Structure formats: structure tokens, C-alpha cells
């Protein structure tokens, strides 16, 4: 086994089949052997049933990991990444907002010596098929500015859910991860920076999905995001 894909999922019964179909189709067309680990993060719908009923091609080993209660996206990704068997391990979102074809781009960056390759919607060359609402895009840019200043990073986009790791970097970084929320991405990149791992970025084609499982629809939720962000340097000394 040389390649693993981890997909965190929370109540994704309506979208996970398409993601599995598109990803498996691409892997089959490339004759690429892989395992796909869907991590059902305390789902209350039929996510696991949909995954287990899916007929993957012969070159793809499909597993569904499930636990209760819901622990958060960061926990789900960490759980899957640390259980993956591949020499290179990708995590991608369950809504298929980034096509599987960009695996080639990420792989190429690891071939060139990077330890981590991350998709960025903010780089020149990226195409946004459907934008978020203007207010949310502006809020995202403000958040990224504060985040980078606080953590000493320079990434224009840390939240795109499409990141590839070498096995060594994956095992080291995710074993150190402490946050269970959506703010695990900057935590992982902060750790990568501190530990000297090489991180490359690449532009992608990205489509916003309206029915997001993560909503920032109140002041309390927004404040909770920043509270988590400002914990990162404290919990890692």
C-alpha cells in the first residue's frame, strides 16, 4: 500500500457516495492502488451504511471507521491519518470541493522533496467555480491575516481541505496535534514550520458547497474559532 486517502465525514449520507464515485473513478483511470478511509465522526444519519454499500474498484480498499459521540473535524482527520497505512497520506473533504485529479499535483511536490503539499484557493492559477458569500470571504481573509501574524506563517489559505503528507511527516505531526476543531489545519502547519518540514502550496479548482456541515452563523461560533486559534502557541509551548 503506497497511498491513503482520509475523508472525515459527519452526516454525509447525501454527498459521500458521489465523492467515493468520483475519487474511485479517478484512481481506477490512473491504475493507482489506494486505500480510502472514511471516518464517520459520530454521524447520526446513514453515512456508514452508504460507505459500506459502495462497491469500490479492485485497486481501492475502502474502509469506514466510526465512533461516538461527535468529536470534531480535527479529531476525525487525526484519527484517520494515524490509522492510514500509506507511504503518502491525503485528507480531503467529503463534499468533493476539490477534484481528485489534483492528487497528481500534490504527488509531484512530494516527488520534488516536499514533506507536505497543501491546496490553496488564494494562489494565482486557482479557479473558484462557485464563491462563498462575500461577507464570508471577507471574514476568511481577515481571519487568515490574524492567524498568520499570530503563528508566524505566510499561507494565504490554510483551510482548504486537500492536503498530502509523507508518512513520516503525517505520523509526527498528527501525533502532536491537540485541537479537535476545524482549527487543526493551522495547528498542523504551525507544527510543520516549527519542526522544519518542507511545505509546498499549489493552486486548485474549488467549488463552494452551500450545505456546509460547518457553519459560522453566530458571534459565539466566531469567537470560539479565535479562542481555539489563540490556544495553539500556548499548548505547544
C-alpha atoms as a PDB file:
ATOM      1  CA  UNK A   1       0.000   0.000   0.000  1.00  0.00           C
ATOM      2  CA  UNK A   2       1.592   3.261  -1.088  1.00  0.00           C
ATOM      3  CA  UNK A   3      -1.260   5.758  -0.929  1.00  0.00           C
ATOM      4  CA  UNK A   4      -4.075   6.533   1.514  1.00  0.00           C
ATOM      5  CA  UNK A   5      -6.982   8.968   1.367  1.00  0.00           C
ATOM      6  CA  UNK A   6      -8.704  10.028   4.586  1.00  0.00           C
ATOM      7  CA  UNK A   7     -12.191  11.567   4.363  1.00  0.00           C
ATOM      8  CA  UNK A   8     -13.699  12.974   7.577  1.00  0.00           C
ATOM      9  CA  UNK A   9     -17.497  12.733   7.490  1.00  0.00           C
ATOM     10  CA  UNK A  10     -20.286  13.999   9.704  1.00  0.00           C
ATOM     11  CA  UNK A  11     -23.852  13.310   8.499  1.00  0.00           C
ATOM     12  CA  UNK A  12     -22.721  12.997   4.890  1.00  0.00           C
ATOM     13  CA  UNK A  13     -25.098  10.317   3.617  1.00  0.00           C
ATOM     14  CA  UNK A  14     -26.331  12.661   0.872  1.00  0.00           C
ATOM     15  CA  UNK A  15     -22.861  13.506  -0.501  1.00  0.00           C
ATOM     16  CA  UNK A  16     -20.387  10.785   0.368  1.00  0.00           C
ATOM     17  CA  UNK A  17     -21.397   8.407  -2.453  1.00  0.00           C
ATOM     18  CA  UNK A  18     -20.582  10.967  -5.157  1.00  0.00           C
ATOM     19  CA  UNK A  19     -17.227  11.660  -3.501  1.00  0.00           C
ATOM     20  CA  UNK A  20     -16.417   7.957  -3.404  1.00  0.00           C
ATOM     21  CA  UNK A  21     -17.555   7.510  -7.015  1.00  0.00           C
ATOM     22  CA  UNK A  22     -15.502  10.395  -8.384  1.00  0.00           C
ATOM     23  CA  UNK A  23     -12.404   9.556  -6.341  1.00  0.00           C
ATOM     24  CA  UNK A  24     -12.533   5.843  -7.147  1.00  0.00           C
ATOM     25  CA  UNK A  25     -13.108   6.568 -10.834  1.00  0.00           C
ATOM     26  CA  UNK A  26     -10.010   8.744 -10.957  1.00  0.00           C
ATOM     27  CA  UNK A  27      -7.881   6.224  -9.060  1.00  0.00           C
ATOM     28  CA  UNK A  28      -9.030   3.464 -11.411  1.00  0.00           C
ATOM     29  CA  UNK A  29      -8.282   5.564 -14.501  1.00  0.00           C
ATOM     30  CA  UNK A  30      -4.757   6.134 -13.181  1.00  0.00           C
ATOM     31  CA  UNK A  31      -4.310   2.466 -12.191  1.00  0.00           C
ATOM     32  CA  UNK A  32      -3.348   3.741  -8.746  1.00  0.00           C
ATOM     33  CA  UNK A  33      -3.679   1.361  -5.809  1.00  0.00           C
ATOM     34  CA  UNK A  34      -5.019   3.111  -2.740  1.00  0.00           C
ATOM     35  CA  UNK A  35      -6.981   2.795   0.448  1.00  0.00           C
ATOM     36  CA  UNK A  36      -9.805   5.173   1.300  1.00  0.00           C
ATOM     37  CA  UNK A  37     -10.617   5.640   4.979  1.00  0.00           C
ATOM     38  CA  UNK A  38     -13.932   7.360   5.650  1.00  0.00           C
ATOM     39  CA  UNK A  39     -14.065   8.491   9.279  1.00  0.00           C
ATOM     40  CA  UNK A  40     -17.665   8.859  10.414  1.00  0.00           C
ATOM     41  CA  UNK A  41     -17.397  11.378  13.247  1.00  0.00           C
ATOM     42  CA  UNK A  42     -20.411  10.358  15.337  1.00  0.00           C
ATOM     43  CA  UNK A  43     -22.784  10.663  12.374  1.00  0.00           C
ATOM     44  CA  UNK A  44     -26.471  10.394  13.211  1.00  0.00           C
ATOM     45  CA  UNK A  45     -27.556   9.505   9.682  1.00  0.00           C
ATOM     46  CA  UNK A  46     -26.735   6.687   7.275  1.00  0.00           C
ATOM     47  CA  UNK A  47     -23.183   7.744   6.412  1.00  0.00           C
ATOM     48  CA  UNK A  48     -21.652   4.425   7.427  1.00  0.00           C
ATOM     49  CA  UNK A  49     -24.343   2.424   5.636  1.00  0.00           C
ATOM     50  CA  UNK A  50     -23.770   4.346   2.388  1.00  0.00           C
ATOM     51  CA  UNK A  51     -20.000   3.830   2.584  1.00  0.00           C
ATOM     52  CA  UNK A  52     -20.262   0.134   3.363  1.00  0.00           C
ATOM     53  CA  UNK A  53     -22.714  -0.419   0.486  1.00  0.00           C
ATOM     54  CA  UNK A  54     -20.387   1.234  -2.044  1.00  0.00           C
ATOM     55  CA  UNK A  55     -18.658  -1.134  -4.480  1.00  0.00           C
ATOM     56  CA  UNK A  56     -15.088   0.119  -4.858  1.00  0.00           C
ATOM     57  CA  UNK A  57     -12.932  -0.993  -7.818  1.00  0.00           C
ATOM     58  CA  UNK A  58     -10.337  -3.710  -7.277  1.00  0.00           C
ATOM     59  CA  UNK A  59      -7.477  -1.222  -6.903  1.00  0.00           C
ATOM     60  CA  UNK A  60      -9.198   0.576  -3.997  1.00  0.00           C
ATOM     61  CA  UNK A  61      -9.578  -0.739  -0.457  1.00  0.00           C
ATOM     62  CA  UNK A  62     -12.441   1.083   1.228  1.00  0.00           C
ATOM     63  CA  UNK A  63     -12.915   1.209   5.000  1.00  0.00           C
ATOM     64  CA  UNK A  64     -15.363   3.084   7.217  1.00  0.00           C
ATOM     65  CA  UNK A  65     -14.261   3.960  10.727  1.00  0.00           C
ATOM     66  CA  UNK A  66     -16.958   5.188  13.089  1.00  0.00           C
ATOM     67  CA  UNK A  67     -17.104   6.264  16.728  1.00  0.00           C
ATOM     68  CA  UNK A  68     -19.473   8.140  19.039  1.00  0.00           C
ATOM     69  CA  UNK A  69     -20.097  10.848  20.039  1.00  0.00           C
ATOM     70  CA  UNK A  70     -19.136  13.513  17.514  1.00  0.00           C
ATOM     71  CA  UNK A  71     -15.658  14.828  18.353  1.00  0.00           C
ATOM     72  CA  UNK A  72     -14.980  17.456  15.675  1.00  0.00           C
ATOM     73  CA  UNK A  73     -13.344  17.534  12.248  1.00  0.00           C
ATOM     74  CA  UNK A  74      -9.835  17.851  13.650  1.00  0.00           C
ATOM     75  CA  UNK A  75     -10.273  14.706  15.729  1.00  0.00           C
ATOM     76  CA  UNK A  76     -11.719  12.801  12.762  1.00  0.00           C
ATOM     77  CA  UNK A  77      -8.830  13.748  10.477  1.00  0.00           C
ATOM     78  CA  UNK A  78      -6.240  12.893  13.140  1.00  0.00           C
ATOM     79  CA  UNK A  79      -7.916   9.531  13.780  1.00  0.00           C
ATOM     80  CA  UNK A  80      -7.835   8.628  10.095  1.00  0.00           C
ATOM     81  CA  UNK A  81      -4.340   9.945   9.388  1.00  0.00           C
ATOM     82  CA  UNK A  82      -2.804   7.966  12.245  1.00  0.00           C
ATOM     83  CA  UNK A  83      -4.557   4.761  11.150  1.00  0.00           C
ATOM     84  CA  UNK A  84      -3.704   5.106   7.449  1.00  0.00           C
ATOM     85  CA  UNK A  85      -1.188   2.637   6.050  1.00  0.00           C
ATOM     86  CA  UNK A  86       0.077   4.555   3.023  1.00  0.00           C
ATOM     87  CA  UNK A  87       3.532   5.960   2.424  1.00  0.00           C
ATOM     88  CA  UNK A  88       1.743   9.117   1.323  1.00  0.00           C
ATOM     89  CA  UNK A  89      -1.479  10.157   3.004  1.00  0.00           C
ATOM     90  CA  UNK A  90      -4.027  12.716   1.810  1.00  0.00           C
ATOM     91  CA  UNK A  91      -7.022  14.116   3.598  1.00  0.00           C
ATOM     92  CA  UNK A  92      -9.845  15.577   1.564  1.00  0.00           C
ATOM     93  CA  UNK A  93     -13.305  16.922   2.364  1.00  0.00           C
ATOM     94  CA  UNK A  94     -16.412  14.775   1.993  1.00  0.00           C
ATOM     95  CA  UNK A  95     -18.144  17.345  -0.232  1.00  0.00           C
ATOM     96  CA  UNK A  96     -15.627  16.834  -3.080  1.00  0.00           C
ATOM     97  CA  UNK A  97     -14.955  20.566  -3.369  1.00  0.00           C
ATOM     98  CA  UNK A  98     -11.512  19.777  -4.878  1.00  0.00           C
ATOM     99  CA  UNK A  99     -11.366  17.154  -7.681  1.00  0.00           C
ATOM    100  CA  UNK A 100      -9.261  14.046  -7.124  1.00  0.00           C
ATOM    101  CA  UNK A 101      -7.224  14.889 -10.225  1.00  0.00           C
ATOM    102  CA  UNK A 102      -5.220  17.353  -8.103  1.00  0.00           C
ATOM    103  CA  UNK A 103      -3.665  14.371  -6.359  1.00  0.00           C
ATOM    104  CA  UNK A 104      -1.191  14.350  -9.248  1.00  0.00           C
ATOM    105  CA  UNK A 105      -0.113  17.910  -8.468  1.00  0.00           C
ATOM    106  CA  UNK A 106       0.335  17.163  -4.776  1.00  0.00           C
ATOM    107  CA  UNK A 107       2.264  13.966  -5.518  1.00  0.00           C
ATOM    108  CA  UNK A 108       4.593  15.886  -7.804  1.00  0.00           C
ATOM    109  CA  UNK A 109       5.505  18.249  -4.996  1.00  0.00           C
ATOM    110  CA  UNK A 110       6.434  15.376  -2.703  1.00  0.00           C
ATOM    111  CA  UNK A 111       8.444  13.867  -5.567  1.00  0.00           C
ATOM    112  CA  UNK A 112      10.377  17.144  -5.642  1.00  0.00           C
ATOM    113  CA  UNK A 113      11.223  16.918  -1.950  1.00  0.00           C
ATOM    114  CA  UNK A 114       8.338  18.491  -0.053  1.00  0.00           C
ATOM    115  CA  UNK A 115       7.103  16.786   3.106  1.00  0.00           C
ATOM    116  CA  UNK A 116       3.657  18.350   2.863  1.00  0.00           C
ATOM    117  CA  UNK A 117       1.673  19.677  -0.119  1.00  0.00           C
ATOM    118  CA  UNK A 118      -1.376  21.857   0.526  1.00  0.00           C
ATOM    119  CA  UNK A 119      -4.058  23.109  -1.849  1.00  0.00           C
ATOM    120  CA  UNK A 120      -4.636  26.856  -1.826  1.00  0.00           C
ATOM    121  CA  UNK A 121      -7.652  28.705  -3.192  1.00  0.00           C
ATOM    122  CA  UNK A 122      -5.823  32.007  -2.840  1.00  0.00           C
ATOM    123  CA  UNK A 123      -2.853  31.340  -5.133  1.00  0.00           C
ATOM    124  CA  UNK A 124      -2.528  32.642  -8.675  1.00  0.00           C
ATOM    125  CA  UNK A 125      -3.845  29.974 -11.007  1.00  0.00           C
ATOM    126  CA  UNK A 126      -6.650  28.809  -8.735  1.00  0.00           C
ATOM    127  CA  UNK A 127     -10.169  28.788 -10.129  1.00  0.00           C
ATOM    128  CA  UNK A 128     -13.245  29.189  -7.948  1.00  0.00           C
ATOM    129  CA  UNK A 129     -16.219  27.539  -9.630  1.00  0.00           C
ATOM    130  CA  UNK A 130     -18.669  28.885  -7.054  1.00  0.00           C
ATOM    131  CA  UNK A 131     -17.745  31.509  -4.483  1.00  0.00           C
ATOM    132  CA  UNK A 132     -18.787  31.763  -0.876  1.00  0.00           C
ATOM    133  CA  UNK A 133     -20.923  34.723   0.125  1.00  0.00           C
ATOM    134  CA  UNK A 134     -18.879  37.983   0.007  1.00  0.00           C
ATOM    135  CA  UNK A 135     -19.202  38.511   3.772  1.00  0.00           C
ATOM    136  CA  UNK A 136     -17.825  35.047   4.481  1.00  0.00           C
ATOM    137  CA  UNK A 137     -14.953  35.506   2.010  1.00  0.00           C
ATOM    138  CA  UNK A 138     -14.027  38.820   3.654  1.00  0.00           C
ATOM    139  CA  UNK A 139     -14.239  37.257   7.117  1.00  0.00           C
ATOM    140  CA  UNK A 140     -11.984  34.439   5.910  1.00  0.00           C
ATOM    141  CA  UNK A 141      -9.357  36.888   4.687  1.00  0.00           C
ATOM    142  CA  UNK A 142      -9.409  38.778   7.993  1.00  0.00           C
ATOM    143  CA  UNK A 143      -9.091  35.529   9.919  1.00  0.00           C
ATOM    144  CA  UNK A 144      -6.146  34.401   7.772  1.00  0.00           C
ATOM    145  CA  UNK A 145      -4.328  37.702   8.318  1.00  0.00           C
ATOM    146  CA  UNK A 146      -4.701  37.442  12.111  1.00  0.00           C
ATOM    147  CA  UNK A 147      -3.793  33.752  12.078  1.00  0.00           C
ATOM    148  CA  UNK A 148      -0.607  34.249  10.075  1.00  0.00           C
ATOM    149  CA  UNK A 149       0.520  37.173  12.209  1.00  0.00           C
ATOM    150  CA  UNK A 150      -0.087  35.202  15.405  1.00  0.00           C
ATOM    151  CA  UNK A 151       1.518  31.949  14.245  1.00  0.00           C
ATOM    152  CA  UNK A 152       4.318  33.414  12.150  1.00  0.00           C
ATOM    153  CA  UNK A 153       3.019  31.766   8.969  1.00  0.00           C
ATOM    154  CA  UNK A 154       2.618  33.126   5.451  1.00  0.00           C
ATOM    155  CA  UNK A 155      -0.010  30.902   3.859  1.00  0.00           C
ATOM    156  CA  UNK A 156      -2.846  32.741   2.077  1.00  0.00           C
ATOM    157  CA  UNK A 157      -5.147  29.752   2.609  1.00  0.00           C
ATOM    158  CA  UNK A 158      -4.805  27.165   5.370  1.00  0.00           C
ATOM    159  CA  UNK A 159      -8.387  25.889   5.455  1.00  0.00           C
ATOM    160  CA  UNK A 160      -8.719  24.211   2.062  1.00  0.00           C
ATOM    161  CA  UNK A 161      -9.456  20.560   2.827  1.00  0.00           C
ATOM    162  CA  UNK A 162      -6.969  18.895   0.488  1.00  0.00           C
ATOM    163  CA  UNK A 163      -3.528  18.215   1.971  1.00  0.00           C
ATOM    164  CA  UNK A 164      -0.966  15.483   1.247  1.00  0.00           C
ATOM    165  CA  UNK A 165       1.717  14.290   3.696  1.00  0.00           C
ATOM    166  CA  UNK A 166       4.655  11.942   3.558  1.00  0.00           C
ATOM    167  CA  UNK A 167       4.216   9.108   6.049  1.00  0.00           C
ATOM    168  CA  UNK A 168       6.996  10.455   8.284  1.00  0.00           C
ATOM    169  CA  UNK A 169       5.505  13.949   8.421  1.00  0.00           C
ATOM    170  CA  UNK A 170       1.992  12.572   8.908  1.00  0.00           C
ATOM    171  CA  UNK A 171       2.900  10.326  11.823  1.00  0.00           C
ATOM    172  CA  UNK A 172       4.964  13.019  13.520  1.00  0.00           C
ATOM    173  CA  UNK A 173       2.622  15.982  13.058  1.00  0.00           C
ATOM    174  CA  UNK A 174      -0.722  14.332  13.753  1.00  0.00           C
ATOM    175  CA  UNK A 175       0.646  12.543  16.821  1.00  0.00           C
ATOM    176  CA  UNK A 176       1.380  16.022  18.228  1.00  0.00           C
ATOM    177  CA  UNK A 177      -1.993  17.527  17.247  1.00  0.00           C
ATOM    178  CA  UNK A 178      -4.133  18.565  20.211  1.00  0.00           C
ATOM    179  CA  UNK A 179      -7.061  20.529  18.752  1.00  0.00           C
ATOM    180  CA  UNK A 180     -10.200  18.659  17.673  1.00  0.00           C
ATOM    181  CA  UNK A 181     -11.932  21.569  15.949  1.00  0.00           C
ATOM    182  CA  UNK A 182     -11.656  22.992  12.416  1.00  0.00           C
ATOM    183  CA  UNK A 183      -8.617  24.979  13.566  1.00  0.00           C
ATOM    184  CA  UNK A 184      -6.467  21.848  13.386  1.00  0.00           C
ATOM    185  CA  UNK A 185      -5.172  22.932   9.932  1.00  0.00           C
ATOM    186  CA  UNK A 186      -3.172  25.932  11.162  1.00  0.00           C
ATOM    187  CA  UNK A 187      -2.072  23.892  14.174  1.00  0.00           C
ATOM    188  CA  UNK A 188      -0.580  21.237  11.875  1.00  0.00           C
ATOM    189  CA  UNK A 189       1.074  23.870   9.662  1.00  0.00           C
ATOM    190  CA  UNK A 190       2.434  25.675  12.722  1.00  0.00           C
ATOM    191  CA  UNK A 191       3.957  22.414  13.937  1.00  0.00           C
ATOM    192  CA  UNK A 192       5.379  21.704  10.469  1.00  0.00           C
ATOM    193  CA  UNK A 193       7.022  25.138  10.477  1.00  0.00           C
ATOM    194  CA  UNK A 194       8.473  24.666  13.961  1.00  0.00           C
ATOM    195  CA  UNK A 195       9.780  21.192  13.208  1.00  0.00           C
ATOM    196  CA  UNK A 196      11.376  22.122   9.898  1.00  0.00           C
ATOM    197  CA  UNK A 197       9.158  20.196   7.494  1.00  0.00           C
ATOM    198  CA  UNK A 198       9.032  21.480   3.933  1.00  0.00           C
ATOM    199  CA  UNK A 199       5.544  22.642   2.907  1.00  0.00           C
ATOM    200  CA  UNK A 200       4.626  23.390  -0.735  1.00  0.00           C
ATOM    201  CA  UNK A 201       1.431  25.039  -1.948  1.00  0.00           C
ATOM    202  CA  UNK A 202      -0.446  24.566  -5.194  1.00  0.00           C
ATOM    203  CA  UNK A 203      -3.468  26.248  -6.827  1.00  0.00           C
ATOM    204  CA  UNK A 204      -6.680  24.271  -7.308  1.00  0.00           C
ATOM    205  CA  UNK A 205     -10.110  24.345  -8.875  1.00  0.00           C
ATOM    206  CA  UNK A 206     -12.529  24.674  -5.978  1.00  0.00           C
ATOM    207  CA  UNK A 207     -16.313  24.716  -5.727  1.00  0.00           C
ATOM    208  CA  UNK A 208     -18.103  26.055  -2.668  1.00  0.00           C
ATOM    209  CA  UNK A 209     -20.801  23.714  -1.364  1.00  0.00           C
ATOM    210  CA  UNK A 210     -23.737  25.583   0.148  1.00  0.00           C
ATOM    211  CA  UNK A 211     -24.768  22.832   2.550  1.00  0.00           C
ATOM    212  CA  UNK A 212     -21.644  23.003   4.685  1.00  0.00           C
ATOM    213  CA  UNK A 213     -21.567  20.923   7.863  1.00  0.00           C
ATOM    214  CA  UNK A 214     -19.536  23.723   9.474  1.00  0.00           C
ATOM    215  CA  UNK A 215     -21.399  26.988   9.964  1.00  0.00           C
ATOM    216  CA  UNK A 216     -20.181  30.301  11.387  1.00  0.00           C
ATOM    217  CA  UNK A 217     -23.643  31.791  11.806  1.00  0.00           C
ATOM    218  CA  UNK A 218     -23.288  33.453  15.186  1.00  0.00           C
ATOM    219  CA  UNK A 219     -20.913  35.675  17.109  1.00  0.00           C
ATOM    220  CA  UNK A 220     -20.371  32.915  19.664  1.00  0.00           C
ATOM    221  CA  UNK A 221     -19.172  30.462  16.986  1.00  0.00           C
ATOM    222  CA  UNK A 222     -16.839  33.089  15.516  1.00  0.00           C
ATOM    223  CA  UNK A 223     -15.377  33.850  18.925  1.00  0.00           C
ATOM    224  CA  UNK A 224     -14.910  30.127  19.547  1.00  0.00           C
ATOM    225  CA  UNK A 225     -12.779  29.909  16.382  1.00  0.00           C
ATOM    226  CA  UNK A 226     -10.459  32.651  17.597  1.00  0.00           C
ATOM    227  CA  UNK A 227     -10.346  31.150  21.084  1.00  0.00           C
ATOM    228  CA  UNK A 228      -9.111  27.894  19.534  1.00  0.00           C
ATOM    229  CA  UNK A 229      -6.621  29.726  17.317  1.00  0.00           C
ATOM    230  CA  UNK A 230      -5.062  31.570  20.245  1.00  0.00           C
ATOM    231  CA  UNK A 231      -4.555  28.288  22.108  1.00  0.00           C
ATOM    232  CA  UNK A 232      -2.121  26.909  19.534  1.00  0.00           C
ATOM    233  CA  UNK A 233       1.070  28.601  20.711  1.00  0.00           C
ATOM    234  CA  UNK A 234       0.130  28.002  24.365  1.00  0.00           C
ATOM    235  CA  UNK A 235      -0.481  24.259  24.057  1.00  0.00           C
ATOM    236  CA  UNK A 236       2.719  23.755  22.078  1.00  0.00           C
ATOM    237  CA  UNK A 237       4.940  25.732  24.401  1.00  0.00           C
END
